[in-house]
Amino acid sequence: MSKEHVFETVKNVVMEILPDVEAEQITMDKSLRDLGANSIDRMEVVTMSMEELGLKIPLMSFANVSNIEGLVDVLAENYAAVSEGNTM
């Protein structure tokens, strides 16, 4: 799965959780906090994105994520590992 597909998935989840955010506001360099997400919103974005992508990733994997690009990278890397048959 491409990084662009993962980004689109995350973007759709963000718009679902934060209905006041427009699609064009969601860019790779923004953080969820920049978009007005509180800690519960941020956790929902992570867990719903994993569900949409069919992933189970330890939440600690996201500890150093500071923006949407970091979130997309963690999701895409783990998706690639799962699709290659590696277990995590």
C-alpha atoms as a PDB file:
ATOM      1  CA  MET A   1       0.000   0.000   0.000  1.00  0.00           C
ATOM      2  CA  SER A   2       1.351   3.374  -0.951  1.00  0.00           C
ATOM      3  CA  LYS A   3       2.129   6.166   1.460  1.00  0.00           C
ATOM      4  CA  GLU A   4      -0.412   8.284  -0.456  1.00  0.00           C
ATOM      5  CA  HIS A   5      -3.163   5.725   0.220  1.00  0.00           C
ATOM      6  CA  VAL A   6      -2.285   5.654   3.924  1.00  0.00           C
ATOM      7  CA  PHE A   7      -2.340   9.477   3.974  1.00  0.00           C
ATOM      8  CA  GLU A   8      -5.794   9.526   2.348  1.00  0.00           C
ATOM      9  CA  THR A   9      -7.027   7.043   4.950  1.00  0.00           C
ATOM     10  CA  VAL A  10      -5.652   9.167   7.803  1.00  0.00           C
ATOM     11  CA  LYS A  11      -7.108  12.318   6.215  1.00  0.00           C
ATOM     12  CA  ASN A  12     -10.576  10.738   6.015  1.00  0.00           C
ATOM     13  CA  VAL A  13     -10.368   9.624   9.646  1.00  0.00           C
ATOM     14  CA  VAL A  14      -9.266  13.119  10.755  1.00  0.00           C
ATOM     15  CA  MET A  15     -12.220  14.691   8.931  1.00  0.00           C
ATOM     16  CA  GLU A  16     -14.574  12.193  10.587  1.00  0.00           C
ATOM     17  CA  ILE A  17     -13.254  12.900  14.085  1.00  0.00           C
ATOM     18  CA  LEU A  18     -12.731  16.647  13.571  1.00  0.00           C
ATOM     19  CA  PRO A  19     -15.719  17.710  11.430  1.00  0.00           C
ATOM     20  CA  ASP A  20     -14.672  21.395  11.443  1.00  0.00           C
ATOM     21  CA  VAL A  21     -11.406  20.574   9.639  1.00  0.00           C
ATOM     22  CA  GLU A  22     -11.415  20.913   5.841  1.00  0.00           C
ATOM     23  CA  ALA A  23      -9.529  18.425   3.650  1.00  0.00           C
ATOM     24  CA  GLU A  24      -7.129  21.085   2.353  1.00  0.00           C
ATOM     25  CA  GLN A  25      -6.070  21.914   5.931  1.00  0.00           C
ATOM     26  CA  ILE A  26      -4.711  18.393   6.425  1.00  0.00           C
ATOM     27  CA  THR A  27      -1.136  18.261   5.188  1.00  0.00           C
ATOM     28  CA  MET A  28       1.807  16.015   6.019  1.00  0.00           C
ATOM     29  CA  ASP A  29       3.643  18.735   7.940  1.00  0.00           C
ATOM     30  CA  LYS A  30       0.718  19.555  10.262  1.00  0.00           C
ATOM     31  CA  SER A  31       0.284  17.908  13.624  1.00  0.00           C
ATOM     32  CA  LEU A  32      -3.076  16.710  14.853  1.00  0.00           C
ATOM     33  CA  ARG A  33      -2.749  19.281  17.615  1.00  0.00           C
ATOM     34  CA  ASP A  34      -2.386  22.011  14.923  1.00  0.00           C
ATOM     35  CA  LEU A  35      -5.756  20.883  13.591  1.00  0.00           C
ATOM     36  CA  GLY A  36      -7.379  21.245  17.025  1.00  0.00           C
ATOM     37  CA  ALA A  37      -7.289  17.619  18.146  1.00  0.00           C
ATOM     38  CA  ASN A  38      -7.113  16.985  21.882  1.00  0.00           C
ATOM     39  CA  SER A  39      -5.432  13.887  23.306  1.00  0.00           C
ATOM     40  CA  ILE A  40      -8.577  11.757  22.991  1.00  0.00           C
ATOM     41  CA  ASP A  41      -9.086  12.887  19.386  1.00  0.00           C
ATOM     42  CA  ARG A  42      -5.474  12.034  18.563  1.00  0.00           C
ATOM     43  CA  MET A  43      -5.842   8.550  20.047  1.00  0.00           C
ATOM     44  CA  GLU A  44      -9.037   8.020  18.042  1.00  0.00           C
ATOM     45  CA  VAL A  45      -7.270   9.059  14.826  1.00  0.00           C
ATOM     46  CA  VAL A  46      -4.511   6.528  15.491  1.00  0.00           C
ATOM     47  CA  THR A  47      -6.809   3.648  16.449  1.00  0.00           C
ATOM     48  CA  MET A  48      -9.363   4.290  13.694  1.00  0.00           C
ATOM     49  CA  SER A  49      -6.613   4.602  11.086  1.00  0.00           C
ATOM     50  CA  MET A  50      -5.197   1.255  12.202  1.00  0.00           C
ATOM     51  CA  GLU A  51      -8.683  -0.298  11.998  1.00  0.00           C
ATOM     52  CA  GLU A  52      -9.277   1.108   8.505  1.00  0.00           C
ATOM     53  CA  LEU A  53      -5.953  -0.330   7.347  1.00  0.00           C
ATOM     54  CA  GLY A  54      -6.416  -3.646   9.151  1.00  0.00           C
ATOM     55  CA  LEU A  55      -3.359  -3.149  11.358  1.00  0.00           C
ATOM     56  CA  LYS A  56      -2.536  -3.897  14.981  1.00  0.00           C
ATOM     57  CA  ILE A  57       0.440  -1.827  16.064  1.00  0.00           C
ATOM     58  CA  PRO A  58       1.603  -1.254  19.653  1.00  0.00           C
ATOM     59  CA  LEU A  59       0.650   2.295  20.609  1.00  0.00           C
ATOM     60  CA  MET A  60       4.206   2.909  21.818  1.00  0.00           C
ATOM     61  CA  SER A  61       5.222   2.806  18.137  1.00  0.00           C
ATOM     62  CA  PHE A  62       3.606   6.247  17.829  1.00  0.00           C
ATOM     63  CA  ALA A  63       5.372   7.805  20.837  1.00  0.00           C
ATOM     64  CA  ASN A  64       7.810   9.893  18.777  1.00  0.00           C
ATOM     65  CA  VAL A  65       5.331  10.928  16.070  1.00  0.00           C
ATOM     66  CA  SER A  66       5.102  14.720  15.868  1.00  0.00           C
ATOM     67  CA  ASN A  67       3.091  15.286  12.688  1.00  0.00           C
ATOM     68  CA  ILE A  68       0.793  13.567  10.219  1.00  0.00           C
ATOM     69  CA  GLU A  69       3.723  12.469   8.080  1.00  0.00           C
ATOM     70  CA  GLY A  70       5.181  10.604  11.070  1.00  0.00           C
ATOM     71  CA  LEU A  71       1.848   8.893  11.663  1.00  0.00           C
ATOM     72  CA  VAL A  72       1.579   7.933   7.992  1.00  0.00           C
ATOM     73  CA  ASP A  73       5.172   6.613   8.017  1.00  0.00           C
ATOM     74  CA  VAL A  74       4.554   4.347  11.026  1.00  0.00           C
ATOM     75  CA  LEU A  75       1.330   3.018   9.513  1.00  0.00           C
ATOM     76  CA  ALA A  76       2.861   2.493   6.051  1.00  0.00           C
ATOM     77  CA  GLU A  77       5.974   0.766   7.429  1.00  0.00           C
ATOM     78  CA  ASN A  78       3.886  -1.602   9.509  1.00  0.00           C
ATOM     79  CA  TYR A  79       1.520  -2.283   6.622  1.00  0.00           C
ATOM     80  CA  ALA A  80       4.495  -3.156   4.433  1.00  0.00           C
ATOM     81  CA  ALA A  81       5.863  -5.495   7.114  1.00  0.00           C
ATOM     82  CA  VAL A  82       2.510  -7.247   7.522  1.00  0.00           C
ATOM     83  CA  SER A  83       1.959  -7.604   3.781  1.00  0.00           C
ATOM     84  CA  GLU A  84       5.426  -9.161   3.404  1.00  0.00           C
ATOM     85  CA  GLY A  85       4.401 -11.842   5.871  1.00  0.00           C
ATOM     86  CA  ASN A  86       6.520 -10.596   8.762  1.00  0.00           C
ATOM     87  CA  THR A  87       4.974 -10.781  12.203  1.00  0.00           C
ATOM     88  CA  MET A  88       5.340  -7.967  14.624  1.00  0.00           C
END
